[in-house]
N, C-alpha and C. Protein backbone atom coordinates (compact mmCIF):
# COMPACT_ATOMS: atom_id res chain seq x y z
N MET A 1 4.82 -7.02 -13.82
CA MET A 1 4.35 -5.86 -13.10
C MET A 1 3.33 -6.30 -12.05
N ILE A 2 3.43 -5.74 -10.88
CA ILE A 2 2.44 -5.99 -9.82
C ILE A 2 1.22 -5.14 -10.14
N ARG A 3 0.07 -5.78 -10.27
CA ARG A 3 -1.16 -5.06 -10.64
C ARG A 3 -1.99 -4.66 -9.43
N TRP A 4 -1.95 -5.47 -8.37
CA TRP A 4 -2.70 -5.14 -7.17
C TRP A 4 -2.04 -5.77 -5.95
N LEU A 5 -2.39 -5.26 -4.80
CA LEU A 5 -1.86 -5.75 -3.53
C LEU A 5 -2.98 -5.65 -2.50
N ARG A 6 -3.26 -6.73 -1.81
CA ARG A 6 -4.26 -6.70 -0.74
C ARG A 6 -3.52 -6.92 0.58
N LEU A 7 -3.74 -6.00 1.51
CA LEU A 7 -3.16 -6.11 2.84
C LEU A 7 -4.27 -6.44 3.83
N ILE A 8 -4.11 -7.53 4.54
CA ILE A 8 -5.08 -7.95 5.54
C ILE A 8 -4.35 -8.10 6.87
N ASN A 9 -4.77 -7.32 7.86
CA ASN A 9 -4.16 -7.33 9.20
C ASN A 9 -2.65 -7.13 9.13
N PHE A 10 -2.22 -6.17 8.35
CA PHE A 10 -0.80 -5.83 8.25
C PHE A 10 -0.62 -4.41 8.76
N LYS A 11 0.07 -4.29 9.88
CA LYS A 11 0.30 -2.99 10.53
C LYS A 11 -1.02 -2.25 10.70
N ALA A 12 -1.19 -1.07 10.12
CA ALA A 12 -2.42 -0.27 10.32
C ALA A 12 -3.55 -0.67 9.38
N PHE A 13 -3.31 -1.61 8.46
CA PHE A 13 -4.31 -1.97 7.45
C PHE A 13 -5.07 -3.22 7.88
N GLU A 14 -6.38 -3.09 8.07
CA GLU A 14 -7.20 -4.26 8.38
C GLU A 14 -7.52 -5.05 7.13
N ASN A 15 -8.00 -4.37 6.10
CA ASN A 15 -8.33 -5.01 4.82
C ASN A 15 -8.32 -3.92 3.75
N GLN A 16 -7.24 -3.85 3.01
CA GLN A 16 -7.08 -2.77 2.03
C GLN A 16 -6.58 -3.32 0.71
N LEU A 17 -7.19 -2.88 -0.38
CA LEU A 17 -6.76 -3.28 -1.72
C LEU A 17 -6.15 -2.07 -2.41
N PHE A 18 -4.94 -2.25 -2.94
CA PHE A 18 -4.26 -1.22 -3.71
C PHE A 18 -4.16 -1.70 -5.15
N GLU A 19 -4.56 -0.87 -6.09
CA GLU A 19 -4.44 -1.20 -7.51
C GLU A 19 -3.35 -0.32 -8.11
N PHE A 20 -2.40 -0.94 -8.79
CA PHE A 20 -1.25 -0.24 -9.34
C PHE A 20 -1.36 -0.10 -10.84
N LYS A 21 -0.87 1.01 -11.35
CA LYS A 21 -0.77 1.29 -12.79
C LYS A 21 0.71 1.28 -13.14
N PRO A 22 1.07 1.44 -14.42
CA PRO A 22 2.50 1.46 -14.77
C PRO A 22 3.30 2.50 -13.98
N LEU A 23 2.68 3.61 -13.60
CA LEU A 23 3.32 4.60 -12.74
C LEU A 23 2.37 4.87 -11.58
N THR A 24 2.80 4.52 -10.37
CA THR A 24 1.98 4.74 -9.18
C THR A 24 2.82 5.49 -8.16
N LEU A 25 2.26 6.56 -7.61
CA LEU A 25 2.93 7.37 -6.60
C LEU A 25 2.22 7.20 -5.27
N LEU A 26 2.99 7.12 -4.19
CA LEU A 26 2.42 7.09 -2.84
C LEU A 26 2.73 8.42 -2.18
N SER A 27 1.71 9.11 -1.74
CA SER A 27 1.92 10.37 -1.04
C SER A 27 0.89 10.49 0.08
N GLY A 28 1.22 11.26 1.09
CA GLY A 28 0.29 11.45 2.19
C GLY A 28 0.99 12.04 3.39
N LEU A 29 0.22 12.28 4.42
CA LEU A 29 0.76 12.83 5.65
C LEU A 29 1.61 11.79 6.38
N ASN A 30 2.32 12.25 7.40
CA ASN A 30 3.12 11.34 8.22
C ASN A 30 2.22 10.31 8.89
N SER A 31 2.74 9.10 9.05
CA SER A 31 2.05 8.01 9.77
C SER A 31 0.74 7.59 9.12
N THR A 32 0.67 7.61 7.78
CA THR A 32 -0.55 7.18 7.10
C THR A 32 -0.37 5.84 6.38
N GLY A 33 0.85 5.24 6.46
CA GLY A 33 1.03 3.90 5.91
C GLY A 33 1.81 3.80 4.62
N LYS A 34 2.39 4.89 4.14
CA LYS A 34 3.16 4.83 2.89
C LYS A 34 4.31 3.83 2.98
N SER A 35 5.09 3.92 4.03
CA SER A 35 6.21 2.99 4.21
C SER A 35 5.74 1.57 4.44
N SER A 36 4.61 1.40 5.08
CA SER A 36 4.06 0.05 5.31
C SER A 36 3.71 -0.62 3.99
N VAL A 37 3.18 0.13 3.04
CA VAL A 37 2.86 -0.44 1.72
C VAL A 37 4.15 -0.90 1.05
N ILE A 38 5.19 -0.08 1.08
CA ILE A 38 6.48 -0.45 0.48
C ILE A 38 7.06 -1.68 1.18
N GLN A 39 7.01 -1.72 2.50
CA GLN A 39 7.54 -2.87 3.25
C GLN A 39 6.80 -4.15 2.92
N SER A 40 5.52 -4.06 2.65
CA SER A 40 4.74 -5.26 2.35
C SER A 40 5.13 -5.87 1.01
N LEU A 41 5.65 -5.05 0.11
CA LEU A 41 6.07 -5.58 -1.19
C LEU A 41 7.33 -6.40 -1.03
């Protein structure tokens, strides 16, 4: 299982840490980076 993901200078993310649990949902408005997080995986 992926526990965390750090994005540095990836698309709109300068330096962002995401921590994942056994069930993690991504939600938000358009153009906020949801697809970018999935693409980075």
